[in-house]
N, C-alpha and C. Protein backbone atom coordinates (compact mmCIF):
# COMPACT_ATOMS: atom_id res chain seq x y z
N UNK A 1 105.71 110.89 89.02
CA UNK A 1 104.36 110.78 89.52
C UNK A 1 104.24 109.48 90.33
N UNK A 2 103.62 109.58 91.48
CA UNK A 2 103.47 108.41 92.33
C UNK A 2 102.36 107.50 91.84
N UNK A 3 102.62 106.22 91.94
CA UNK A 3 101.66 105.20 91.52
C UNK A 3 100.95 104.68 92.78
N UNK A 4 99.66 104.45 92.68
CA UNK A 4 98.91 103.88 93.80
C UNK A 4 99.02 102.35 93.77
N UNK A 5 98.61 101.73 94.86
CA UNK A 5 98.59 100.27 94.90
C UNK A 5 97.65 99.70 93.85
N UNK A 6 96.52 100.36 93.64
CA UNK A 6 95.57 99.93 92.61
C UNK A 6 96.23 99.98 91.23
N UNK A 7 96.96 101.06 90.96
CA UNK A 7 97.66 101.20 89.67
C UNK A 7 98.70 100.08 89.50
N UNK A 8 99.39 99.75 90.59
CA UNK A 8 100.39 98.68 90.53
C UNK A 8 99.75 97.35 90.17
N UNK A 9 98.65 97.01 90.87
CA UNK A 9 97.96 95.74 90.61
C UNK A 9 97.38 95.72 89.20
N UNK A 10 96.84 96.83 88.77
CA UNK A 10 96.30 96.93 87.41
C UNK A 10 97.43 96.73 86.38
N UNK A 11 98.60 97.26 86.68
CA UNK A 11 99.75 97.11 85.79
C UNK A 11 100.22 95.66 85.65
N UNK A 12 99.93 94.83 86.64
CA UNK A 12 100.28 93.41 86.55
C UNK A 12 99.40 92.67 85.54
N UNK A 13 98.30 93.29 85.19
CA UNK A 13 97.37 92.69 84.23
C UNK A 13 97.55 93.30 82.84
N UNK A 14 98.79 93.39 82.40
CA UNK A 14 99.10 94.07 81.13
C UNK A 14 99.35 93.10 79.98
N UNK A 15 99.00 91.84 80.17
CA UNK A 15 99.17 90.87 79.10
C UNK A 15 100.48 90.10 79.16
N UNK A 16 101.28 90.35 80.18
CA UNK A 16 102.54 89.61 80.31
C UNK A 16 102.26 88.12 80.51
N UNK A 17 103.20 87.32 80.11
CA UNK A 17 103.07 85.86 80.25
C UNK A 17 103.94 85.38 81.40
N UNK A 18 103.31 84.77 82.36
CA UNK A 18 104.01 84.22 83.52
C UNK A 18 103.58 82.76 83.64
N UNK A 19 104.56 81.88 83.81
CA UNK A 19 104.27 80.45 83.94
C UNK A 19 104.79 79.94 85.28
N UNK A 20 104.01 79.09 85.90
CA UNK A 20 104.42 78.42 87.13
C UNK A 20 104.16 76.93 86.91
N UNK A 21 105.21 76.14 86.98
CA UNK A 21 105.08 74.71 86.78
C UNK A 21 104.51 74.36 85.42
N UNK A 22 104.84 75.11 84.41
CA UNK A 22 104.38 74.85 83.05
C UNK A 22 102.97 75.35 82.77
N UNK A 23 102.33 75.94 83.76
CA UNK A 23 100.96 76.43 83.58
C UNK A 23 100.98 77.96 83.58
N UNK A 24 100.26 78.56 82.62
CA UNK A 24 100.24 80.01 82.52
C UNK A 24 99.36 80.59 83.63
N UNK A 25 99.87 81.65 84.25
CA UNK A 25 99.14 82.36 85.30
C UNK A 25 98.33 83.46 84.62
N UNK A 26 97.01 83.40 84.75
CA UNK A 26 96.14 84.38 84.10
C UNK A 26 96.14 85.72 84.83
N UNK A 27 96.08 85.68 86.16
CA UNK A 27 96.03 86.91 86.95
C UNK A 27 97.06 86.80 88.08
N UNK A 28 98.16 87.49 87.93
CA UNK A 28 99.26 87.40 88.90
C UNK A 28 98.79 87.83 90.29
N UNK A 29 98.01 88.91 90.34
CA UNK A 29 97.57 89.44 91.63
C UNK A 29 96.62 88.50 92.37
N UNK A 30 95.98 87.57 91.67
CA UNK A 30 95.04 86.64 92.30
C UNK A 30 95.63 85.25 92.49
N UNK A 31 96.75 84.95 91.86
CA UNK A 31 97.36 83.62 91.97
C UNK A 31 97.85 83.38 93.40
N UNK A 32 97.59 82.20 93.97
CA UNK A 32 98.00 81.93 95.35
C UNK A 32 99.50 82.10 95.60
N UNK A 33 100.32 81.86 94.61
CA UNK A 33 101.76 82.00 94.79
C UNK A 33 102.26 83.42 94.73
N UNK A 34 101.45 84.34 94.23
CA UNK A 34 101.88 85.72 94.05
C UNK A 34 101.03 86.75 94.78
N UNK A 35 99.80 86.39 95.15
CA UNK A 35 98.90 87.42 95.67
C UNK A 35 99.37 88.06 96.96
N UNK A 36 100.02 87.30 97.82
CA UNK A 36 100.54 87.89 99.07
C UNK A 36 101.59 88.95 98.79
N UNK A 37 102.54 88.62 97.92
CA UNK A 37 103.59 89.57 97.57
C UNK A 37 103.04 90.76 96.80
N UNK A 38 102.10 90.51 95.89
CA UNK A 38 101.50 91.59 95.12
C UNK A 38 100.73 92.53 96.05
N UNK A 39 100.01 91.98 97.02
CA UNK A 39 99.27 92.81 97.97
C UNK A 39 100.22 93.63 98.83
N UNK A 40 101.35 93.03 99.23
CA UNK A 40 102.33 93.76 100.03
C UNK A 40 102.93 94.92 99.24
N UNK A 41 103.28 94.66 98.00
CA UNK A 41 103.84 95.73 97.17
C UNK A 41 102.80 96.82 96.92
N UNK A 42 101.55 96.43 96.70
CA UNK A 42 100.48 97.43 96.52
C UNK A 42 100.33 98.29 97.78
N UNK A 43 100.43 97.66 98.94
CA UNK A 43 100.35 98.42 100.20
C UNK A 43 101.51 99.39 100.33
N UNK A 44 102.69 98.99 99.88
CA UNK A 44 103.84 99.90 99.92
C UNK A 44 103.63 101.09 98.99
N UNK A 45 103.07 100.85 97.81
CA UNK A 45 102.75 101.96 96.90
C UNK A 45 101.75 102.91 97.55
N UNK A 46 100.71 102.36 98.18
CA UNK A 46 99.71 103.20 98.85
C UNK A 46 100.33 103.97 100.01
N UNK A 47 101.20 103.34 100.74
CA UNK A 47 101.88 103.98 101.88
C UNK A 47 102.73 105.14 101.38
N UNK A 48 103.45 104.91 100.29
CA UNK A 48 104.31 105.95 99.74
C UNK A 48 103.48 107.12 99.21
N UNK A 49 102.29 106.84 98.70
CA UNK A 49 101.42 107.89 98.15
C UNK A 49 100.63 108.63 99.23
N UNK A 50 100.65 108.14 100.44
CA UNK A 50 99.92 108.76 101.54
C UNK A 50 100.49 110.16 101.81
N UNK A 51 99.64 111.20 101.78
CA UNK A 51 100.14 112.56 102.02
C UNK A 51 100.84 112.72 103.37
N UNK A 52 100.50 111.90 104.34
CA UNK A 52 101.15 111.98 105.66
C UNK A 52 102.62 111.57 105.58
N UNK A 53 103.00 110.83 104.54
CA UNK A 53 104.38 110.37 104.40
C UNK A 53 105.23 111.29 103.52
N UNK A 54 104.63 112.37 103.02
CA UNK A 54 105.35 113.30 102.16
C UNK A 54 106.54 113.88 102.93
N UNK A 55 107.66 113.90 102.30
CA UNK A 55 108.87 114.38 102.94
C UNK A 55 109.71 113.24 103.48
N UNK A 56 109.07 112.12 103.77
CA UNK A 56 109.80 110.94 104.24
C UNK A 56 109.89 109.90 103.13
N UNK A 57 108.77 109.63 102.46
CA UNK A 57 108.75 108.62 101.41
C UNK A 57 108.57 109.20 100.01
N UNK A 58 108.17 110.46 99.95
CA UNK A 58 107.97 111.11 98.64
C UNK A 58 108.34 112.58 98.76
N UNK A 59 108.50 113.22 97.63
CA UNK A 59 108.78 114.65 97.60
C UNK A 59 108.05 115.26 96.40
N UNK A 60 107.86 116.56 96.46
CA UNK A 60 107.17 117.27 95.39
C UNK A 60 108.18 118.12 94.63
N UNK A 61 108.12 118.03 93.31
CA UNK A 61 108.98 118.84 92.45
C UNK A 61 108.19 119.23 91.22
N UNK A 62 108.18 120.51 90.91
CA UNK A 62 107.44 121.04 89.77
C UNK A 62 105.97 120.63 89.79
N UNK A 63 105.39 120.55 90.98
CA UNK A 63 103.97 120.25 91.12
C UNK A 63 103.60 118.78 91.10
N UNK A 64 104.56 117.89 90.89
CA UNK A 64 104.29 116.45 90.89
C UNK A 64 104.99 115.78 92.06
N UNK A 65 104.39 114.69 92.55
CA UNK A 65 104.99 113.91 93.64
C UNK A 65 105.80 112.76 93.07
N UNK A 66 106.95 112.50 93.69
CA UNK A 66 107.85 111.44 93.25
C UNK A 66 108.34 110.65 94.46
N UNK A 67 108.74 109.42 94.22
CA UNK A 67 109.34 108.59 95.26
C UNK A 67 110.68 109.18 95.66
N UNK A 68 111.03 109.02 96.93
CA UNK A 68 112.34 109.50 97.41
C UNK A 68 113.50 108.82 96.68
N UNK A 69 113.24 107.67 96.07
CA UNK A 69 114.30 106.99 95.33
C UNK A 69 114.83 107.85 94.19
N UNK A 70 114.02 108.80 93.74
CA UNK A 70 114.42 109.65 92.62
C UNK A 70 114.92 111.02 93.07
N UNK A 71 115.08 111.23 94.37
CA UNK A 71 115.56 112.51 94.88
C UNK A 71 117.04 112.67 94.58
N UNK A 72 117.36 113.77 93.92
CA UNK A 72 118.77 114.08 93.62
C UNK A 72 119.24 115.16 94.57
N UNK A 73 120.48 115.08 95.03
CA UNK A 73 121.02 116.17 95.84
C UNK A 73 121.04 117.44 95.00
N UNK A 74 120.61 118.54 95.58
CA UNK A 74 120.57 119.80 94.83
C UNK A 74 121.86 120.60 94.95
N UNK A 75 122.73 120.17 95.85
CA UNK A 75 124.02 120.84 96.00
C UNK A 75 125.12 119.79 95.99
N UNK A 76 126.17 120.06 95.30
CA UNK A 76 127.27 119.09 95.17
C UNK A 76 127.85 118.74 96.52
N UNK A 77 127.85 119.68 97.46
CA UNK A 77 128.47 119.40 98.76
C UNK A 77 127.68 118.37 99.58
N UNK A 78 126.41 118.11 99.21
CA UNK A 78 125.64 117.10 99.92
C UNK A 78 126.07 115.69 99.54
N UNK A 79 126.72 115.56 98.42
CA UNK A 79 127.19 114.23 98.01
C UNK A 79 128.34 113.80 98.91
N UNK A 80 128.19 112.70 99.56
CA UNK A 80 129.26 112.15 100.37
C UNK A 80 129.39 112.75 101.75
N UNK A 81 128.57 113.73 102.11
CA UNK A 81 128.63 114.27 103.47
C UNK A 81 128.05 113.24 104.43
N UNK A 82 128.75 112.92 105.49
CA UNK A 82 128.25 111.87 106.38
C UNK A 82 126.92 112.21 107.05
N UNK A 83 126.61 113.45 107.23
CA UNK A 83 125.37 113.83 107.91
C UNK A 83 124.51 114.75 107.04
N UNK A 84 124.52 114.50 105.76
CA UNK A 84 123.73 115.34 104.86
C UNK A 84 122.24 115.09 105.10
N UNK A 85 121.40 116.08 104.83
CA UNK A 85 119.95 115.90 105.01
C UNK A 85 119.40 114.72 104.21
N UNK A 86 119.92 114.50 103.00
CA UNK A 86 119.43 113.38 102.20
C UNK A 86 119.75 112.05 102.85
N UNK A 87 120.94 111.91 103.40
CA UNK A 87 121.30 110.66 104.08
C UNK A 87 120.46 110.47 105.34
N UNK A 88 120.21 111.57 106.05
CA UNK A 88 119.37 111.49 107.24
C UNK A 88 117.97 111.01 106.87
N UNK A 89 117.40 111.58 105.80
CA UNK A 89 116.06 111.17 105.36
C UNK A 89 116.04 109.72 104.95
N UNK A 90 117.06 109.27 104.21
CA UNK A 90 117.10 107.87 103.79
C UNK A 90 117.19 106.93 104.99
N UNK A 91 118.02 107.28 105.97
CA UNK A 91 118.16 106.45 107.17
C UNK A 91 116.83 106.41 107.93
N UNK A 92 116.18 107.56 108.07
CA UNK A 92 114.90 107.63 108.77
C UNK A 92 113.84 106.83 108.02
N UNK A 93 113.84 106.90 106.68
CA UNK A 93 112.88 106.17 105.86
C UNK A 93 113.08 104.67 106.02
N UNK A 94 114.35 104.21 106.02
CA UNK A 94 114.60 102.77 106.19
C UNK A 94 114.13 102.30 107.56
N UNK A 95 114.40 103.09 108.59
CA UNK A 95 113.97 102.72 109.93
C UNK A 95 112.45 102.70 110.02
N UNK A 96 111.80 103.69 109.42
CA UNK A 96 110.34 103.77 109.41
C UNK A 96 109.75 102.58 108.65
N UNK A 97 110.34 102.22 107.53
CA UNK A 97 109.86 101.10 106.71
C UNK A 97 110.06 99.77 107.39
N UNK A 98 111.11 99.65 108.19
CA UNK A 98 111.39 98.38 108.86
C UNK A 98 110.34 98.06 109.92
N UNK A 99 109.59 99.07 110.34
CA UNK A 99 108.58 98.84 111.37
C UNK A 99 107.27 98.32 110.79
N UNK A 100 107.15 98.29 109.45
CA UNK A 100 105.91 97.82 108.80
C UNK A 100 106.02 96.34 108.46
N UNK A 101 104.98 95.56 108.81
CA UNK A 101 105.00 94.15 108.42
C UNK A 101 104.79 94.03 106.91
N UNK A 102 105.51 93.12 106.28
CA UNK A 102 105.40 92.91 104.84
C UNK A 102 105.08 91.44 104.58
N UNK A 103 104.04 91.20 103.80
CA UNK A 103 103.66 89.83 103.42
C UNK A 103 104.62 89.34 102.35
N UNK A 104 105.19 88.17 102.54
CA UNK A 104 106.12 87.63 101.57
C UNK A 104 105.37 86.85 100.50
N UNK A 105 105.96 86.81 99.33
CA UNK A 105 105.36 86.10 98.20
C UNK A 105 105.20 84.62 98.55
N UNK A 106 104.04 84.09 98.23
CA UNK A 106 103.80 82.67 98.46
C UNK A 106 103.27 82.36 99.84
N UNK A 107 103.16 83.37 100.70
CA UNK A 107 102.68 83.16 102.07
C UNK A 107 101.46 84.04 102.27
N UNK A 108 100.33 83.59 101.82
CA UNK A 108 99.11 84.37 101.91
C UNK A 108 98.45 84.13 103.27
N UNK A 109 98.27 85.20 104.03
CA UNK A 109 97.71 85.05 105.35
C UNK A 109 96.24 84.63 105.33
N UNK A 110 95.59 84.69 104.15
CA UNK A 110 94.18 84.28 104.05
C UNK A 110 94.04 82.78 103.89
N UNK A 111 95.11 82.07 103.61
CA UNK A 111 95.05 80.62 103.42
C UNK A 111 95.32 79.88 104.71
């Protein structure tokens, strides 16, 4: 099942203990050192969950949507084939993903 960006950010507030410089971080998604990276990852989750990206970033199996990272080849001959459809999709997905700007952790564009 695909997770949304909101679900990802909510999951960061699960009671885990994170310390920066000896000080406990109460909200990872709001901390200046993490919020840029957390927002970028949340955007990637939302992008992957976008129905327009189905087939490139996600696939449907048994009625549920999953990330392409969990796609298994359905035929043994697709394993190791230089031009298999799965390899083509992965290459296309990497190229498509490389065109998206990603905010790095610790570099918040709002500051």
